[in-house]
Amino acid sequence: MRLLIDTSRVSFTVGREPEAKKDQNGVQRVERNTGVPMWSVQLVAMDDGGAEVITATVAAPQPPKVSVGQSVVPVELQAIPWAQNGRNGVAYRAIDVKPVSASKSSASAAS
């Protein structure tokens, strides 16, 4: 089951430059079925309740073209609960992380 997150009331800002997602040996991880490289993108998610820092994984030939401090939209952000060796948490995955368009930012500023 895919648990997609409703991001319509959340604003996202890039917290750190995208970087290769690596395994314990320092080798970049790839998707099992496709062999496409995986990237980690740190995002600061803000809504009416405050802010939280999350790291979203994106599979793509190249890292998402975003930079620190840039307002972005994660495409199809998914929450993936996990449990292993008595530990548990939530991993985040997105199809892409795209910059917020200038026209959308201008419209928000005019409101």
Protein backbone atom coordinates (compact mmCIF):
# COMPACT_ATOMS: atom_id res chain seq x y z
CA MET A 1 0.00 0.00 0.00
CA ARG A 2 1.25 3.46 -0.86
CA LEU A 3 0.66 6.08 1.83
CA LEU A 4 0.77 9.41 -0.01
CA ILE A 5 0.99 12.55 2.12
CA ASP A 6 -1.37 15.47 1.48
CA THR A 7 1.11 18.33 1.08
CA SER A 8 -1.46 20.96 0.03
CA ARG A 9 -1.14 22.86 3.35
CA VAL A 10 2.58 22.35 3.84
CA SER A 11 5.42 24.49 2.51
CA PHE A 12 8.80 22.89 1.90
CA THR A 13 12.26 24.43 1.81
CA VAL A 14 15.49 22.64 0.89
CA GLY A 15 17.65 22.28 4.01
CA ARG A 16 20.77 20.74 2.42
CA GLU A 17 22.01 20.13 -1.11
CA PRO A 18 20.79 16.80 -2.58
CA GLU A 19 23.38 14.06 -2.12
CA ALA A 20 23.84 10.47 -3.18
CA LYS A 21 22.09 7.99 -0.88
CA LYS A 22 24.85 5.58 0.15
CA ASP A 23 24.96 2.15 1.75
CA GLN A 24 27.13 1.21 4.75
CA ASN A 25 30.11 0.74 2.40
CA GLY A 26 29.84 4.24 0.91
CA VAL A 27 28.44 3.00 -2.43
CA GLN A 28 25.51 4.90 -3.94
CA ARG A 29 22.31 2.93 -3.61
CA VAL A 30 20.16 2.16 -6.65
CA GLU A 31 16.58 0.95 -7.05
CA ARG A 32 16.45 -2.83 -7.13
CA ASN A 33 14.18 -3.17 -10.17
CA THR A 34 15.48 -0.32 -12.33
CA GLY A 35 19.09 0.32 -11.29
CA VAL A 36 18.30 4.07 -11.13
CA PRO A 37 20.51 5.95 -8.60
CA MET A 38 18.92 7.19 -5.36
CA TRP A 39 19.35 10.69 -3.88
CA SER A 40 18.61 12.13 -0.43
CA VAL A 41 17.02 15.56 -0.19
CA GLN A 42 16.67 17.22 3.23
CA LEU A 43 13.46 19.22 3.45
CA VAL A 44 12.12 21.59 6.09
CA ALA A 45 8.35 21.04 6.15
CA MET A 46 6.29 23.87 7.68
CA ASP A 47 2.58 24.07 8.42
CA ASP A 48 0.33 25.75 10.97
CA GLY A 49 1.68 23.42 13.68
CA GLY A 50 5.35 24.30 13.20
CA ALA A 51 8.27 22.81 11.30
CA GLU A 52 9.88 19.40 10.93
CA VAL A 53 12.99 18.32 9.05
CA ILE A 54 12.56 15.23 6.88
CA THR A 55 14.81 13.50 4.38
CA ALA A 56 13.12 12.32 1.19
CA THR A 57 14.63 9.75 -1.15
CA VAL A 58 14.30 10.40 -4.89
CA ALA A 59 15.30 7.88 -7.58
CA ALA A 60 16.57 9.66 -10.72
CA PRO A 61 19.55 9.54 -13.09
CA GLN A 62 20.68 12.95 -11.74
CA PRO A 63 20.04 14.67 -8.39
CA PRO A 64 17.04 17.00 -8.22
CA LYS A 65 17.96 20.50 -9.42
CA VAL A 66 17.25 22.36 -6.19
CA SER A 67 19.40 24.37 -3.81
CA VAL A 68 19.53 25.23 -0.10
CA GLY A 69 16.82 27.69 0.96
CA GLN A 70 14.77 27.16 -2.20
CA SER A 71 11.00 26.64 -1.88
CA VAL A 72 10.08 23.29 -3.42
CA VAL A 73 7.23 20.84 -3.92
CA PRO A 74 7.85 17.12 -3.38
CA VAL A 75 5.97 15.15 -6.07
CA GLU A 76 3.91 12.24 -4.69
CA LEU A 77 5.52 12.34 -1.24
CA GLN A 78 5.08 8.93 0.36
CA ALA A 79 5.43 7.83 4.00
CA ILE A 80 6.93 4.36 4.45
CA PRO A 81 6.71 2.98 8.01
CA TRP A 82 9.55 0.60 8.90
CA ALA A 83 10.67 -1.61 11.79
CA GLN A 84 13.99 -3.43 12.08
CA ASN A 85 15.94 -4.90 15.01
CA GLY A 86 13.63 -3.33 17.59
CA ARG A 87 13.84 0.11 15.99
CA ASN A 88 11.15 1.79 13.93
CA GLY A 89 10.40 4.99 12.10
CA VAL A 90 9.09 6.50 8.90
CA ALA A 91 11.04 6.85 5.66
CA TYR A 92 9.99 9.37 3.04
CA ARG A 93 10.14 8.95 -0.71
CA ALA A 94 9.13 11.24 -3.57
CA ILE A 95 9.07 10.81 -7.33
CA ASP A 96 10.78 14.21 -7.66
CA VAL A 97 11.42 17.46 -5.79
CA LYS A 98 10.66 20.48 -7.95
CA PRO A 99 11.20 24.21 -7.36
CA VAL A 100 8.04 26.22 -6.66
CA SER A 101 7.27 28.15 -9.82
CA ALA A 102 7.83 31.91 -9.75
CA SER A 103 4.21 32.56 -10.75
CA LYS A 104 2.92 30.58 -7.76
CA SER A 105 5.28 32.47 -5.41
CA SER A 106 4.12 35.82 -6.85
CA ALA A 107 0.47 34.83 -6.44
CA SER A 108 1.09 33.84 -2.81
CA ALA A 109 2.90 37.13 -2.11
CA ALA A 110 -0.01 39.12 -3.57
CA SER A 111 -2.54 37.40 -1.27
